[in-house]
Amino acid sequence: MGLFSFLKNAGTKVMTKKNVSTVDTEEIKKLQEEVLRKQKLVLLKGIVTSMRIKVENLELDYDDETVTVYGQVEKQANKEKLILALGNVAGVAAVDDRISVTNPKPEAEFYIVKRGDSLSKIAKQFYGDATKYKKIFTANKPMLKDPNKIFPGQTLRIPK
């Protein structure tokens, strides 16, 4: 094998401006949409990879604002973190969870942050103690980098 060279101006004239302009625009549009969908999948997979959670047989699909995630994780908490990380991405309206867990534990609750919320306020609501905000912060790492930086509409994991 190797690199083969050809004269670029010789041969069949199929890639001329005239021929390219006659290609069906609907076909081009479908190809562009598929390329965009694949780019979104690469970005979503990058989010999962950046979390450094071991996911066996990871597969993602993205269709019409819904991410479908397949795979297997060891802990329920890891599953929930993956779902939250994918769901808290602009352009994602839903996450279809197809992840199995080898060591299932009780599921955490999900909470949607409202205007004026803080982790302390949320901890007070769920645990009766505002100082337990660290439990919520830890449960949402690495999605949360700073306990003071949450925003309305963001979904958080609240462990039991």
C-alpha atoms as a PDB file:
ATOM      1  CA  MET A   1       0.000   0.000   0.000  1.00  0.00           C
ATOM      2  CA  GLY A   2       1.016   3.606  -0.324  1.00  0.00           C
ATOM      3  CA  LEU A   3       0.117   6.960  -1.772  1.00  0.00           C
ATOM      4  CA  PHE A   4      -0.879   7.002  -5.442  1.00  0.00           C
ATOM      5  CA  SER A   5      -0.644  10.233  -7.452  1.00  0.00           C
ATOM      6  CA  PHE A   6      -2.938  11.283 -10.309  1.00  0.00           C
ATOM      7  CA  LEU A   7      -3.313  14.302 -12.605  1.00  0.00           C
ATOM      8  CA  LYS A   8      -6.127  16.266 -11.002  1.00  0.00           C
ATOM      9  CA  ASN A   9      -7.355  17.837 -14.277  1.00  0.00           C
ATOM     10  CA  ALA A  10      -7.616  14.518 -16.145  1.00  0.00           C
ATOM     11  CA  GLY A  11     -10.439  11.978 -15.897  1.00  0.00           C
ATOM     12  CA  THR A  12     -14.226  12.028 -15.678  1.00  0.00           C
ATOM     13  CA  LYS A  13     -15.670  15.489 -15.099  1.00  0.00           C
ATOM     14  CA  VAL A  14     -18.208  14.709 -12.330  1.00  0.00           C
ATOM     15  CA  MET A  15     -17.056  17.215  -9.699  1.00  0.00           C
ATOM     16  CA  THR A  16     -17.627  20.375 -11.718  1.00  0.00           C
ATOM     17  CA  LYS A  17     -19.545  23.380 -10.333  1.00  0.00           C
ATOM     18  CA  LYS A  18     -22.379  22.656 -12.779  1.00  0.00           C
ATOM     19  CA  ASN A  19     -22.737  19.028 -11.639  1.00  0.00           C
ATOM     20  CA  VAL A  20     -22.444  19.866  -7.937  1.00  0.00           C
ATOM     21  CA  SER A  21     -25.194  22.513  -8.196  1.00  0.00           C
ATOM     22  CA  THR A  22     -27.636  19.917  -9.596  1.00  0.00           C
ATOM     23  CA  VAL A  23     -27.399  17.645  -6.537  1.00  0.00           C
ATOM     24  CA  ASP A  24     -30.702  17.347  -4.671  1.00  0.00           C
ATOM     25  CA  THR A  25     -30.743  19.896  -1.844  1.00  0.00           C
ATOM     26  CA  GLU A  26     -32.963  17.637   0.306  1.00  0.00           C
ATOM     27  CA  GLU A  27     -30.281  14.969   0.155  1.00  0.00           C
ATOM     28  CA  ILE A  28     -27.635  17.506   1.153  1.00  0.00           C
ATOM     29  CA  LYS A  29     -29.839  18.734   4.006  1.00  0.00           C
ATOM     30  CA  LYS A  30     -30.266  15.170   5.323  1.00  0.00           C
ATOM     31  CA  LEU A  31     -26.513  14.609   5.150  1.00  0.00           C
ATOM     32  CA  GLN A  32     -25.864  17.874   7.008  1.00  0.00           C
ATOM     33  CA  GLU A  33     -28.372  16.915   9.722  1.00  0.00           C
ATOM     34  CA  GLU A  34     -26.688  13.527  10.141  1.00  0.00           C
ATOM     35  CA  VAL A  35     -23.255  15.146  10.421  1.00  0.00           C
ATOM     36  CA  LEU A  36     -24.615  17.574  13.032  1.00  0.00           C
ATOM     37  CA  ARG A  37     -26.195  14.690  14.992  1.00  0.00           C
ATOM     38  CA  LYS A  38     -22.889  12.816  14.984  1.00  0.00           C
ATOM     39  CA  GLN A  39     -21.036  15.942  16.157  1.00  0.00           C
ATOM     40  CA  LYS A  40     -23.491  16.275  19.049  1.00  0.00           C
ATOM     41  CA  LEU A  41     -22.904  12.614  19.954  1.00  0.00           C
ATOM     42  CA  VAL A  42     -19.139  13.197  20.033  1.00  0.00           C
ATOM     43  CA  LEU A  43     -19.629  16.181  22.355  1.00  0.00           C
ATOM     44  CA  LEU A  44     -21.987  14.233  24.623  1.00  0.00           C
ATOM     45  CA  LYS A  45     -19.557  11.327  24.764  1.00  0.00           C
ATOM     46  CA  GLY A  46     -16.863  13.830  25.736  1.00  0.00           C
ATOM     47  CA  ILE A  47     -18.996  14.930  28.691  1.00  0.00           C
ATOM     48  CA  VAL A  48     -19.343  11.321  29.856  1.00  0.00           C
ATOM     49  CA  THR A  49     -15.609  10.697  29.420  1.00  0.00           C
ATOM     50  CA  SER A  50     -14.691  13.843  31.334  1.00  0.00           C
ATOM     51  CA  MET A  51     -16.609  12.542  34.362  1.00  0.00           C
ATOM     52  CA  ARG A  52     -14.148   9.666  34.712  1.00  0.00           C
ATOM     53  CA  ILE A  53     -16.886   7.204  35.618  1.00  0.00           C
ATOM     54  CA  LYS A  54     -16.283   3.694  34.379  1.00  0.00           C
ATOM     55  CA  VAL A  55     -19.094   2.752  31.986  1.00  0.00           C
ATOM     56  CA  GLU A  56     -18.959  -0.613  30.282  1.00  0.00           C
ATOM     57  CA  ASN A  57     -20.435  -0.894  26.786  1.00  0.00           C
ATOM     58  CA  LEU A  58     -21.231   2.826  26.627  1.00  0.00           C
ATOM     59  CA  GLU A  59     -23.449   3.794  23.721  1.00  0.00           C
ATOM     60  CA  LEU A  60     -25.214   7.093  23.125  1.00  0.00           C
ATOM     61  CA  ASP A  61     -27.879   8.095  20.663  1.00  0.00           C
ATOM     62  CA  TYR A  62     -29.280  11.573  20.083  1.00  0.00           C
ATOM     63  CA  ASP A  63     -32.551  12.169  18.314  1.00  0.00           C
ATOM     64  CA  ASP A  64     -34.875  15.160  18.487  1.00  0.00           C
ATOM     65  CA  GLU A  65     -33.572  16.592  21.786  1.00  0.00           C
ATOM     66  CA  THR A  66     -33.488  13.181  23.516  1.00  0.00           C
ATOM     67  CA  VAL A  67     -30.276  11.415  24.528  1.00  0.00           C
ATOM     68  CA  THR A  68     -30.510   7.650  24.919  1.00  0.00           C
ATOM     69  CA  VAL A  69     -27.686   6.224  27.020  1.00  0.00           C
ATOM     70  CA  TYR A  70     -26.795   2.538  27.225  1.00  0.00           C
ATOM     71  CA  GLY A  71     -24.172   0.833  29.341  1.00  0.00           C
ATOM     72  CA  GLN A  72     -23.391  -0.669  32.693  1.00  0.00           C
ATOM     73  CA  VAL A  73     -22.006   1.017  35.811  1.00  0.00           C
ATOM     74  CA  GLU A  74     -21.095  -0.314  39.227  1.00  0.00           C
ATOM     75  CA  LYS A  75     -23.065   2.113  41.438  1.00  0.00           C
ATOM     76  CA  GLN A  76     -26.486   3.737  41.354  1.00  0.00           C
ATOM     77  CA  ALA A  77     -24.844   7.092  42.138  1.00  0.00           C
ATOM     78  CA  ASN A  78     -22.718   6.835  38.966  1.00  0.00           C
ATOM     79  CA  LYS A  79     -25.812   6.140  36.881  1.00  0.00           C
ATOM     80  CA  GLU A  80     -27.578   9.167  38.320  1.00  0.00           C
ATOM     81  CA  LYS A  81     -24.541  11.410  37.777  1.00  0.00           C
ATOM     82  CA  LEU A  82     -24.345  10.368  34.126  1.00  0.00           C
ATOM     83  CA  ILE A  83     -28.030  11.073  33.580  1.00  0.00           C
ATOM     84  CA  LEU A  84     -27.704  14.506  35.196  1.00  0.00           C
ATOM     85  CA  ALA A  85     -24.568  15.416  33.260  1.00  0.00           C
ATOM     86  CA  LEU A  86     -26.257  14.573  29.952  1.00  0.00           C
ATOM     87  CA  GLY A  87     -29.563  16.178  30.916  1.00  0.00           C
ATOM     88  CA  ASN A  88     -27.971  19.442  32.017  1.00  0.00           C
ATOM     89  CA  VAL A  89     -26.758  20.198  28.477  1.00  0.00           C
ATOM     90  CA  ALA A  90     -28.439  22.909  26.417  1.00  0.00           C
ATOM     91  CA  GLY A  91     -30.429  21.302  23.610  1.00  0.00           C
ATOM     92  CA  VAL A  92     -31.186  18.142  25.597  1.00  0.00           C
ATOM     93  CA  ALA A  93     -34.817  17.955  26.713  1.00  0.00           C
ATOM     94  CA  ALA A  94     -34.816  14.336  27.938  1.00  0.00           C
ATOM     95  CA  VAL A  95     -32.495  11.454  28.780  1.00  0.00           C
ATOM     96  CA  ASP A  96     -33.717   7.938  28.033  1.00  0.00           C
ATOM     97  CA  ASP A  97     -31.927   5.839  30.655  1.00  0.00           C
ATOM     98  CA  ARG A  98     -30.926   2.354  29.524  1.00  0.00           C
ATOM     99  CA  ILE A  99     -28.045   2.007  32.011  1.00  0.00           C
ATOM    100  CA  SER A 100     -27.879  -1.075  34.208  1.00  0.00           C
ATOM    101  CA  VAL A 101     -26.275  -1.087  37.664  1.00  0.00           C
ATOM    102  CA  THR A 102     -24.277  -4.030  39.077  1.00  0.00           C
ATOM    103  CA  ASN A 103     -24.598  -2.859  42.743  1.00  0.00           C
ATOM    104  CA  PRO A 104     -27.990  -1.179  42.958  1.00  0.00           C
ATOM    105  CA  LYS A 105     -28.678   1.054  45.966  1.00  0.00           C
ATOM    106  CA  PRO A 106     -31.696   3.248  46.735  1.00  0.00           C
ATOM    107  CA  GLU A 107     -32.208   5.895  44.087  1.00  0.00           C
ATOM    108  CA  ALA A 108     -31.624   9.534  44.933  1.00  0.00           C
ATOM    109  CA  GLU A 109     -34.205  12.227  44.280  1.00  0.00           C
ATOM    110  CA  PHE A 110     -33.735  14.759  41.518  1.00  0.00           C
ATOM    111  CA  TYR A 111     -34.381  18.428  42.223  1.00  0.00           C
ATOM    112  CA  ILE A 112     -34.718  21.276  39.735  1.00  0.00           C
ATOM    113  CA  VAL A 113     -33.035  24.441  41.008  1.00  0.00           C
ATOM    114  CA  LYS A 114     -35.320  27.461  41.316  1.00  0.00           C
ATOM    115  CA  ARG A 115     -34.423  31.150  41.340  1.00  0.00           C
ATOM    116  CA  GLY A 116     -33.056  32.108  44.770  1.00  0.00           C
ATOM    117  CA  ASP A 117     -32.003  28.561  45.656  1.00  0.00           C
ATOM    118  CA  SER A 118     -28.662  27.719  47.228  1.00  0.00           C
ATOM    119  CA  LEU A 119     -27.264  24.354  48.223  1.00  0.00           C
ATOM    120  CA  SER A 120     -27.794  25.318  51.874  1.00  0.00           C
ATOM    121  CA  LYS A 121     -31.445  26.135  51.245  1.00  0.00           C
ATOM    122  CA  ILE A 122     -31.949  22.864  49.364  1.00  0.00           C
ATOM    123  CA  ALA A 123     -30.177  20.916  52.144  1.00  0.00           C
ATOM    124  CA  LYS A 124     -32.481  22.542  54.726  1.00  0.00           C
ATOM    125  CA  GLN A 125     -35.516  21.495  52.648  1.00  0.00           C
ATOM    126  CA  PHE A 126     -34.442  17.851  52.190  1.00  0.00           C
ATOM    127  CA  TYR A 127     -32.431  17.127  55.358  1.00  0.00           C
ATOM    128  CA  GLY A 128     -33.672  19.757  57.801  1.00  0.00           C
ATOM    129  CA  ASP A 129     -30.087  21.007  58.183  1.00  0.00           C
ATOM    130  CA  ALA A 130     -28.534  23.688  55.949  1.00  0.00           C
ATOM    131  CA  THR A 131     -25.002  22.589  56.862  1.00  0.00           C
ATOM    132  CA  LYS A 132     -25.520  19.325  54.963  1.00  0.00           C
ATOM    133  CA  TYR A 133     -25.140  21.216  51.667  1.00  0.00           C
ATOM    134  CA  LYS A 134     -21.759  19.464  51.245  1.00  0.00           C
ATOM    135  CA  LYS A 135     -23.576  16.129  50.857  1.00  0.00           C
ATOM    136  CA  ILE A 136     -25.476  17.548  47.868  1.00  0.00           C
ATOM    137  CA  PHE A 137     -22.354  19.203  46.466  1.00  0.00           C
ATOM    138  CA  THR A 138     -20.366  15.946  46.704  1.00  0.00           C
ATOM    139  CA  ALA A 139     -23.218  13.966  45.136  1.00  0.00           C
ATOM    140  CA  ASN A 140     -23.153  16.241  42.104  1.00  0.00           C
ATOM    141  CA  LYS A 141     -19.410  16.305  41.447  1.00  0.00           C
ATOM    142  CA  PRO A 142     -17.845  16.664  38.899  1.00  0.00           C
ATOM    143  CA  MET A 143     -20.841  18.434  37.339  1.00  0.00           C
ATOM    144  CA  LEU A 144     -20.623  21.049  40.110  1.00  0.00           C
ATOM    145  CA  LYS A 145     -17.240  22.657  40.557  1.00  0.00           C
ATOM    146  CA  ASP A 146     -18.226  25.244  43.182  1.00  0.00           C
ATOM    147  CA  PRO A 147     -21.049  24.968  45.767  1.00  0.00           C
ATOM    148  CA  ASN A 148     -21.940  28.611  45.132  1.00  0.00           C
ATOM    149  CA  LYS A 149     -22.450  28.154  41.398  1.00  0.00           C
ATOM    150  CA  ILE A 150     -25.823  26.574  40.697  1.00  0.00           C
ATOM    151  CA  PHE A 151     -28.393  28.032  38.326  1.00  0.00           C
ATOM    152  CA  PRO A 152     -32.181  27.950  37.869  1.00  0.00           C
ATOM    153  CA  GLY A 153     -33.306  25.044  35.708  1.00  0.00           C
ATOM    154  CA  GLN A 154     -30.313  22.888  36.618  1.00  0.00           C
ATOM    155  CA  THR A 155     -31.198  19.427  37.906  1.00  0.00           C
ATOM    156  CA  LEU A 156     -29.361  18.161  40.990  1.00  0.00           C
ATOM    157  CA  ARG A 157     -29.075  14.757  42.589  1.00  0.00           C
ATOM    158  CA  ILE A 158     -30.235  14.648  46.228  1.00  0.00           C
ATOM    159  CA  PRO A 159     -29.005  11.437  47.911  1.00  0.00           C
ATOM    160  CA  LYS A 160     -31.153   9.719  50.552  1.00  0.00           C
END
